[in-house]
PDB file of all heavy atoms in Angstrom:
ATOM      1  N   SER A   1      13.890  19.463 -48.870  1.00  0.00           N
ATOM      2  CA  SER A   1      12.575  19.719 -49.448  1.00  0.00           C
ATOM      3  C   SER A   1      12.563  19.360 -50.920  1.00  0.00           C
ATOM      4  O   SER A   1      13.593  19.114 -51.536  1.00  0.00           O
ATOM      5  CB  SER A   1      12.207  21.186 -49.252  1.00  0.00           C
ATOM      6  OG  SER A   1      13.044  21.999 -50.046  1.00  0.00           O
ATOM      7  N   GLY A   2      11.399  19.437 -51.531  1.00  0.00           N
ATOM      8  CA  GLY A   2      11.252  19.057 -52.924  1.00  0.00           C
ATOM      9  C   GLY A   2      11.670  20.160 -53.891  1.00  0.00           C
ATOM     10  O   GLY A   2      11.796  19.928 -55.076  1.00  0.00           O
ATOM     11  N   VAL A   3      11.892  21.413 -53.420  1.00  0.00           N
ATOM     12  CA  VAL A   3      12.290  22.523 -54.300  1.00  0.00           C
ATOM     13  C   VAL A   3      13.802  22.525 -54.400  1.00  0.00           C
ATOM     14  O   VAL A   3      14.503  22.551 -53.401  1.00  0.00           O
ATOM     15  CB  VAL A   3      11.808  23.863 -53.710  1.00  0.00           C
ATOM     16  CG1 VAL A   3      12.284  25.014 -54.571  1.00  0.00           C
ATOM     17  CG2 VAL A   3      10.309  23.872 -53.557  1.00  0.00           C
ATOM     18  N   LEU A   4      14.283  22.452 -55.598  1.00  0.00           N
ATOM     19  CA  LEU A   4      15.725  22.475 -55.821  1.00  0.00           C
ATOM     20  C   LEU A   4      16.171  23.903 -56.139  1.00  0.00           C
ATOM     21  O   LEU A   4      15.561  24.597 -56.938  1.00  0.00           O
ATOM     22  CB  LEU A   4      16.105  21.559 -56.979  1.00  0.00           C
ATOM     23  CG  LEU A   4      15.875  20.069 -56.744  1.00  0.00           C
ATOM     24  CD1 LEU A   4      16.157  19.316 -58.030  1.00  0.00           C
ATOM     25  CD2 LEU A   4      16.783  19.581 -55.639  1.00  0.00           C
ATOM     26  N   MET A   5      17.205  24.347 -55.517  1.00  0.00           N
ATOM     27  CA  MET A   5      17.766  25.668 -55.797  1.00  0.00           C
ATOM     28  C   MET A   5      18.743  25.527 -56.953  1.00  0.00           C
ATOM     29  O   MET A   5      19.540  24.593 -56.986  1.00  0.00           O
ATOM     30  CB  MET A   5      18.510  26.198 -54.559  1.00  0.00           C
ATOM     31  CG  MET A   5      17.627  26.405 -53.344  1.00  0.00           C
ATOM     32  SD  MET A   5      16.557  27.814 -53.501  1.00  0.00           S
ATOM     33  CE  MET A   5      17.733  29.131 -53.420  1.00  0.00           C
ATOM     34  N   SER A   6      18.658  26.442 -57.879  1.00  0.00           N
ATOM     35  CA  SER A   6      19.593  26.385 -59.006  1.00  0.00           C
ATOM     36  C   SER A   6      20.924  26.994 -58.579  1.00  0.00           C
ATOM     37  O   SER A   6      21.000  27.761 -57.629  1.00  0.00           O
ATOM     38  CB  SER A   6      19.025  27.140 -60.204  1.00  0.00           C
ATOM     39  OG  SER A   6      18.870  28.496 -59.870  1.00  0.00           O
ATOM     40  N   ASP A   7      21.922  26.616 -59.297  1.00  0.00           N
ATOM     41  CA  ASP A   7      23.262  27.141 -59.027  1.00  0.00           C
ATOM     42  C   ASP A   7      23.255  28.645 -59.328  1.00  0.00           C
ATOM     43  O   ASP A   7      22.824  29.077 -60.396  1.00  0.00           O
ATOM     44  CB  ASP A   7      24.262  26.411 -59.932  1.00  0.00           C
ATOM     45  CG  ASP A   7      25.692  26.840 -59.677  1.00  0.00           C
ATOM     46  OD1 ASP A   7      25.943  27.478 -58.643  1.00  0.00           O
ATOM     47  OD2 ASP A   7      26.540  26.542 -60.527  1.00  0.00           O
ATOM     48  N   PRO A   8      23.702  29.522 -58.404  1.00  0.00           N
ATOM     49  CA  PRO A   8      23.632  30.968 -58.611  1.00  0.00           C
ATOM     50  C   PRO A   8      24.515  31.458 -59.759  1.00  0.00           C
ATOM     51  O   PRO A   8      24.313  32.539 -60.267  1.00  0.00           O
ATOM     52  CB  PRO A   8      24.080  31.566 -57.292  1.00  0.00           C
ATOM     53  CG  PRO A   8      24.645  30.472 -56.484  1.00  0.00           C
ATOM     54  CD  PRO A   8      24.223  29.181 -57.098  1.00  0.00           C
ATOM     55  N   VAL A   9      25.492  30.701 -60.183  1.00  0.00           N
ATOM     56  CA  VAL A   9      26.381  31.115 -61.255  1.00  0.00           C
ATOM     57  C   VAL A   9      25.789  30.779 -62.619  1.00  0.00           C
ATOM     58  O   VAL A   9      26.085  31.416 -63.616  1.00  0.00           O
ATOM     59  CB  VAL A   9      27.770  30.457 -61.081  1.00  0.00           C
ATOM     60  CG1 VAL A   9      28.718  30.881 -62.176  1.00  0.00           C
ATOM     61  CG2 VAL A   9      28.347  30.790 -59.720  1.00  0.00           C
ATOM     62  N   THR A  10      24.912  29.803 -62.680  1.00  0.00           N
ATOM     63  CA  THR A  10      24.302  29.400 -63.943  1.00  0.00           C
ATOM     64  C   THR A  10      23.329  30.490 -64.394  1.00  0.00           C
ATOM     65  O   THR A  10      22.490  30.939 -63.622  1.00  0.00           O
ATOM     66  CB  THR A  10      23.527  28.079 -63.768  1.00  0.00           C
ATOM     67  OG1 THR A  10      24.401  27.110 -63.220  1.00  0.00           O
ATOM     68  CG2 THR A  10      22.971  27.607 -65.087  1.00  0.00           C
ATOM     69  N   PRO A  11      23.442  30.955 -65.634  1.00  0.00           N
ATOM     70  CA  PRO A  11      22.536  31.998 -66.118  1.00  0.00           C
ATOM     71  C   PRO A  11      21.077  31.540 -66.041  1.00  0.00           C
ATOM     72  O   PRO A  11      20.743  30.428 -66.419  1.00  0.00           O
ATOM     73  CB  PRO A  11      22.957  32.207 -67.566  1.00  0.00           C
ATOM     74  CG  PRO A  11      24.327  31.642 -67.669  1.00  0.00           C
ATOM     75  CD  PRO A  11      24.425  30.578 -66.634  1.00  0.00           C
ATOM     76  N   GLN A  12      20.259  32.404 -65.535  1.00  0.00           N
ATOM     77  CA  GLN A  12      18.836  32.125 -65.413  1.00  0.00           C
ATOM     78  C   GLN A  12      18.080  32.977 -66.437  1.00  0.00           C
ATOM     79  O   GLN A  12      18.569  34.027 -66.856  1.00  0.00           O
ATOM     80  CB  GLN A  12      18.366  32.464 -63.991  1.00  0.00           C
ATOM     81  CG  GLN A  12      19.068  31.686 -62.900  1.00  0.00           C
ATOM     82  CD  GLN A  12      18.803  30.193 -63.001  1.00  0.00           C
ATOM     83  OE1 GLN A  12      17.659  29.788 -63.166  1.00  0.00           O
ATOM     84  NE2 GLN A  12      19.851  29.400 -62.930  1.00  0.00           N
ATOM     85  N   PRO A  13      16.896  32.556 -66.833  1.00  0.00           N
ATOM     86  CA  PRO A  13      16.139  33.334 -67.827  1.00  0.00           C
ATOM     87  C   PRO A  13      15.869  34.779 -67.384  1.00  0.00           C
ATOM     88  O   PRO A  13      15.902  35.686 -68.206  1.00  0.00           O
ATOM     89  CB  PRO A  13      14.838  32.560 -67.965  1.00  0.00           C
ATOM     90  CG  PRO A  13      15.170  31.168 -67.537  1.00  0.00           C
ATOM     91  CD  PRO A  13      16.260  31.301 -66.511  1.00  0.00           C
ATOM     92  N   TRP A  14      15.650  35.029 -66.114  1.00  0.00           N
ATOM     93  CA  TRP A  14      15.374  36.398 -65.680  1.00  0.00           C
ATOM     94  C   TRP A  14      16.630  37.254 -65.743  1.00  0.00           C
ATOM     95  O   TRP A  14      16.565  38.461 -65.945  1.00  0.00           O
ATOM     96  CB  TRP A  14      14.738  36.427 -64.290  1.00  0.00           C
ATOM     97  CG  TRP A  14      15.620  35.944 -63.172  1.00  0.00           C
ATOM     98  CD1 TRP A  14      15.753  34.678 -62.725  1.00  0.00           C
ATOM     99  CD2 TRP A  14      16.491  36.748 -62.375  1.00  0.00           C
ATOM    100  NE1 TRP A  14      16.643  34.619 -61.700  1.00  0.00           N
ATOM    101  CE2 TRP A  14      17.125  35.901 -61.454  1.00  0.00           C
ATOM    102  CE3 TRP A  14      16.808  38.096 -62.337  1.00  0.00           C
ATOM    103  CZ2 TRP A  14      18.053  36.357 -60.534  1.00  0.00           C
ATOM    104  CZ3 TRP A  14      17.721  38.547 -61.407  1.00  0.00           C
ATOM    105  CH2 TRP A  14      18.335  37.675 -60.509  1.00  0.00           C
ATOM    106  N   TRP A  15      17.812  36.636 -65.615  1.00  0.00           N
ATOM    107  CA  TRP A  15      19.064  37.368 -65.773  1.00  0.00           C
ATOM    108  C   TRP A  15      19.176  37.882 -67.206  1.00  0.00           C
ATOM    109  O   TRP A  15      19.566  39.010 -67.442  1.00  0.00           O
ATOM    110  CB  TRP A  15      20.266  36.468 -65.507  1.00  0.00           C
ATOM    111  CG  TRP A  15      20.533  36.109 -64.097  1.00  0.00           C
ATOM    112  CD1 TRP A  15      19.717  36.253 -63.026  1.00  0.00           C
ATOM    113  CD2 TRP A  15      21.727  35.514 -63.623  1.00  0.00           C
ATOM    114  NE1 TRP A  15      20.323  35.772 -61.902  1.00  0.00           N
ATOM    115  CE2 TRP A  15      21.572  35.317 -62.231  1.00  0.00           C
ATOM    116  CE3 TRP A  15      22.913  35.122 -64.212  1.00  0.00           C
ATOM    117  CZ2 TRP A  15      22.563  34.749 -61.444  1.00  0.00           C
ATOM    118  CZ3 TRP A  15      23.905  34.562 -63.422  1.00  0.00           C
ATOM    119  CH2 TRP A  15      23.724  34.382 -62.047  1.00  0.00           C
ATOM    120  N   VAL A  16      18.842  37.008 -68.120  1.00  0.00           N
ATOM    121  CA  VAL A  16      18.929  37.369 -69.537  1.00  0.00           C
ATOM    122  C   VAL A  16      17.962  38.514 -69.837  1.00  0.00           C
ATOM    123  O   VAL A  16      18.296  39.463 -70.548  1.00  0.00           O
ATOM    124  CB  VAL A  16      18.636  36.137 -70.434  1.00  0.00           C
ATOM    125  CG1 VAL A  16      18.582  36.529 -71.889  1.00  0.00           C
ATOM    126  CG2 VAL A  16      19.675  35.055 -70.191  1.00  0.00           C
ATOM    127  N   ALA A  17      16.761  38.442 -69.262  1.00  0.00           N
ATOM    128  CA  ALA A  17      15.766  39.493 -69.474  1.00  0.00           C
ATOM    129  C   ALA A  17      16.250  40.824 -68.894  1.00  0.00           C
ATOM    130  O   ALA A  17      16.136  41.872 -69.534  1.00  0.00           O
ATOM    131  CB  ALA A  17      14.436  39.088 -68.859  1.00  0.00           C
ATOM    132  N   VAL A  18      16.797  40.793 -67.695  1.00  0.00           N
ATOM    133  CA  VAL A  18      17.292  42.015 -67.056  1.00  0.00           C
ATOM    134  C   VAL A  18      18.478  42.577 -67.836  1.00  0.00           C
ATOM    135  O   VAL A  18      18.554  43.784 -68.095  1.00  0.00           O
ATOM    136  CB  VAL A  18      17.675  41.748 -65.585  1.00  0.00           C
ATOM    137  CG1 VAL A  18      18.445  42.917 -64.993  1.00  0.00           C
ATOM    138  CG2 VAL A  18      16.429  41.449 -64.764  1.00  0.00           C
ATOM    139  N   LEU A  19      19.402  41.714 -68.224  1.00  0.00           N
ATOM    140  CA  LEU A  19      20.562  42.156 -68.997  1.00  0.00           C
ATOM    141  C   LEU A  19      20.122  42.734 -70.337  1.00  0.00           C
ATOM    142  O   LEU A  19      20.608  43.785 -70.761  1.00  0.00           O
ATOM    143  CB  LEU A  19      21.537  40.983 -69.204  1.00  0.00           C
ATOM    144  CG  LEU A  19      22.819  41.328 -69.950  1.00  0.00           C
ATOM    145  CD1 LEU A  19      23.634  42.342 -69.164  1.00  0.00           C
ATOM    146  CD2 LEU A  19      23.625  40.071 -70.209  1.00  0.00           C
ATOM    147  N   GLY A  20      19.199  42.058 -71.006  1.00  0.00           N
ATOM    148  CA  GLY A  20      18.691  42.557 -72.291  1.00  0.00           C
ATOM    149  C   GLY A  20      18.007  43.903 -72.140  1.00  0.00           C
ATOM    150  O   GLY A  20      18.215  44.816 -72.947  1.00  0.00           O
ATOM    151  N   ALA A  21      17.196  44.041 -71.102  1.00  0.00           N
ATOM    152  CA  ALA A  21      16.517  45.321 -70.862  1.00  0.00           C
ATOM    153  C   ALA A  21      17.539  46.421 -70.561  1.00  0.00           C
ATOM    154  O   ALA A  21      17.417  47.551 -71.040  1.00  0.00           O
ATOM    155  CB  ALA A  21      15.524  45.187 -69.717  1.00  0.00           C
ATOM    156  N   GLY A  22      18.545  46.089 -69.786  1.00  0.00           N
ATOM    157  CA  GLY A  22      19.599  47.066 -69.477  1.00  0.00           C
ATOM    158  C   GLY A  22      20.352  47.500 -70.722  1.00  0.00           C
ATOM    159  O   GLY A  22      20.597  48.689 -70.932  1.00  0.00           O
ATOM    160  N   LEU A  23      20.699  46.527 -71.563  1.00  0.00           N
ATOM    161  CA  LEU A  23      21.415  46.857 -72.794  1.00  0.00           C
ATOM    162  C   LEU A  23      20.548  47.688 -73.743  1.00  0.00           C
ATOM    163  O   LEU A  23      21.034  48.614 -74.385  1.00  0.00           O
ATOM    164  CB  LEU A  23      21.892  45.585 -73.486  1.00  0.00           C
ATOM    165  CG  LEU A  23      23.027  44.839 -72.772  1.00  0.00           C
ATOM    166  CD1 LEU A  23      23.332  43.530 -73.490  1.00  0.00           C
ATOM    167  CD2 LEU A  23      24.273  45.697 -72.699  1.00  0.00           C
ATOM    168  N   MET A  24      19.271  47.350 -73.823  1.00  0.00           N
ATOM    169  CA  MET A  24      18.371  48.129 -74.683  1.00  0.00           C
ATOM    170  C   MET A  24      18.214  49.551 -74.152  1.00  0.00           C
ATOM    171  O   MET A  24      18.148  50.508 -74.932  1.00  0.00           O
ATOM    172  CB  MET A  24      17.000  47.436 -74.782  1.00  0.00           C
ATOM    173  CG  MET A  24      17.025  46.158 -75.608  1.00  0.00           C
ATOM    174  SD  MET A  24      17.630  46.401 -77.291  1.00  0.00           S
ATOM    175  CE  MET A  24      16.278  47.342 -77.970  1.00  0.00           C
ATOM    176  N   THR A  25      18.172  49.705 -72.834  1.00  0.00           N
ATOM    177  CA  THR A  25      18.067  51.040 -72.245  1.00  0.00           C
ATOM    178  C   THR A  25      19.315  51.855 -72.561  1.00  0.00           C
ATOM    179  O   THR A  25      19.226  53.018 -72.945  1.00  0.00           O
ATOM    180  CB  THR A  25      17.857  50.944 -70.718  1.00  0.00           C
ATOM    181  OG1 THR A  25      16.666  50.186 -70.475  1.00  0.00           O
ATOM    182  CG2 THR A  25      17.753  52.303 -70.083  1.00  0.00           C
ATOM    183  N   VAL A  26      20.482  51.227 -72.403  1.00  0.00           N
ATOM    184  CA  VAL A  26      21.740  51.917 -72.703  1.00  0.00           C
ATOM    185  C   VAL A  26      21.775  52.296 -74.185  1.00  0.00           C
ATOM    186  O   VAL A  26      22.142  53.419 -74.550  1.00  0.00           O
ATOM    187  CB  VAL A  26      22.948  51.041 -72.316  1.00  0.00           C
ATOM    188  CG1 VAL A  26      24.232  51.607 -72.877  1.00  0.00           C
ATOM    189  CG2 VAL A  26      23.028  50.910 -70.802  1.00  0.00           C
ATOM    190  N   ARG A  27      21.373  51.372 -75.040  1.00  0.00           N
ATOM    191  CA  ARG A  27      21.367  51.638 -76.483  1.00  0.00           C
ATOM    192  C   ARG A  27      20.417  52.794 -76.802  1.00  0.00           C
ATOM    193  O   ARG A  27      20.734  53.668 -77.611  1.00  0.00           O
ATOM    194  CB  ARG A  27      20.950  50.381 -77.232  1.00  0.00           C
ATOM    195  CG  ARG A  27      20.957  50.545 -78.714  1.00  0.00           C
ATOM    196  CD  ARG A  27      20.627  49.242 -79.416  1.00  0.00           C
ATOM    197  NE  ARG A  27      20.556  49.484 -80.838  1.00  0.00           N
ATOM    198  CZ  ARG A  27      19.734  48.875 -81.652  1.00  0.00           C
ATOM    199  NH1 ARG A  27      18.941  47.941 -81.193  1.00  0.00           N
ATOM    200  NH2 ARG A  27      19.716  49.156 -82.921  1.00  0.00           N
ATOM    201  N   TRP A  28      19.250  52.804 -76.181  1.00  0.00           N
ATOM    202  CA  TRP A  28      18.278  53.872 -76.408  1.00  0.00           C
ATOM    203  C   TRP A  28      18.843  55.212 -75.930  1.00  0.00           C
ATOM    204  O   TRP A  28      18.713  56.230 -76.611  1.00  0.00           O
ATOM    205  CB  TRP A  28      16.970  53.551 -75.674  1.00  0.00           C
ATOM    206  CG  TRP A  28      15.953  54.632 -75.822  1.00  0.00           C
ATOM    207  CD1 TRP A  28      15.130  54.850 -76.880  1.00  0.00           C
ATOM    208  CD2 TRP A  28      15.681  55.675 -74.878  1.00  0.00           C
ATOM    209  NE1 TRP A  28      14.346  55.949 -76.649  1.00  0.00           N
ATOM    210  CE2 TRP A  28      14.662  56.477 -75.422  1.00  0.00           C
ATOM    211  CE3 TRP A  28      16.187  55.990 -73.626  1.00  0.00           C
ATOM    212  CZ2 TRP A  28      14.151  57.580 -74.763  1.00  0.00           C
ATOM    213  CZ3 TRP A  28      15.669  57.093 -72.974  1.00  0.00           C
ATOM    214  CH2 TRP A  28      14.667  57.873 -73.536  1.00  0.00           C
ATOM    215  N   LEU A  29      19.487  55.216 -74.759  1.00  0.00           N
ATOM    216  CA  LEU A  29      20.063  56.456 -74.233  1.00  0.00           C
ATOM    217  C   LEU A  29      21.166  56.985 -75.139  1.00  0.00           C
ATOM    218  O   LEU A  29      21.264  58.192 -75.379  1.00  0.00           O
ATOM    219  CB  LEU A  29      20.591  56.246 -72.812  1.00  0.00           C
ATOM    220  CG  LEU A  29      19.527  56.098 -71.726  1.00  0.00           C
ATOM    221  CD1 LEU A  29      20.189  55.694 -70.413  1.00  0.00           C
ATOM    222  CD2 LEU A  29      18.732  57.375 -71.566  1.00  0.00           C
ATOM    223  N   ILE A  30      21.999  56.093 -75.652  1.00  0.00           N
ATOM    224  CA  ILE A  30      23.065  56.505 -76.569  1.00  0.00           C
ATOM    225  C   ILE A  30      22.460  57.090 -77.845  1.00  0.00           C
ATOM    226  O   ILE A  30      22.900  58.126 -78.338  1.00  0.00           O
ATOM    227  CB  ILE A  30      24.008  55.328 -76.875  1.00  0.00           C
ATOM    228  CG1 ILE A  30      24.830  54.988 -75.628  1.00  0.00           C
ATOM    229  CG2 ILE A  30      24.916  55.647 -78.050  1.00  0.00           C
ATOM    230  CD1 ILE A  30      25.626  53.704 -75.741  1.00  0.00           C
ATOM    231  N   GLY A  31      21.449  56.411 -78.373  1.00  0.00           N
ATOM    232  CA  GLY A  31      20.778  56.925 -79.570  1.00  0.00           C
ATOM    233  C   GLY A  31      20.128  58.269 -79.323  1.00  0.00           C
ATOM    234  O   GLY A  31      20.214  59.187 -80.145  1.00  0.00           O
ATOM    235  N   PHE A  32      19.470  58.419 -78.187  1.00  0.00           N
ATOM    236  CA  PHE A  32      18.823  59.679 -77.839  1.00  0.00           C
ATOM    237  C   PHE A  32      19.861  60.793 -77.715  1.00  0.00           C
ATOM    238  O   PHE A  32      19.678  61.887 -78.233  1.00  0.00           O
ATOM    239  CB  PHE A  32      18.051  59.510 -76.524  1.00  0.00           C
ATOM    240  CG  PHE A  32      17.361  60.754 -76.082  1.00  0.00           C
ATOM    241  CD1 PHE A  32      16.203  61.186 -76.710  1.00  0.00           C
ATOM    242  CD2 PHE A  32      17.862  61.491 -75.023  1.00  0.00           C
ATOM    243  CE1 PHE A  32      15.561  62.339 -76.298  1.00  0.00           C
ATOM    244  CE2 PHE A  32      17.222  62.647 -74.599  1.00  0.00           C
ATOM    245  CZ  PHE A  32      16.085  63.075 -75.236  1.00  0.00           C
ATOM    246  N   GLY A  33      20.966  60.492 -77.041  1.00  0.00           N
ATOM    247  CA  GLY A  33      22.040  61.481 -76.896  1.00  0.00           C
ATOM    248  C   GLY A  33      22.652  61.840 -78.234  1.00  0.00           C
ATOM    249  O   GLY A  33      22.979  62.997 -78.487  1.00  0.00           O
ATOM    250  N   GLY A  34      22.804  60.850 -79.097  1.00  0.00           N
ATOM    251  CA  GLY A  34      23.361  61.100 -80.430  1.00  0.00           C
ATOM    252  C   GLY A  34      22.460  62.003 -81.252  1.00  0.00           C
ATOM    253  O   GLY A  34      22.937  62.924 -81.919  1.00  0.00           O
TER     254      GLY A  34
END
């Protein structure tokens, strides 16, 4: 077909967004606990 699947190991923009959101959540929780 005409849709190309990207390599699953290659970082995708949504991975970066999810990772960034996760790190910000962890940072916020640490700050809140502190």
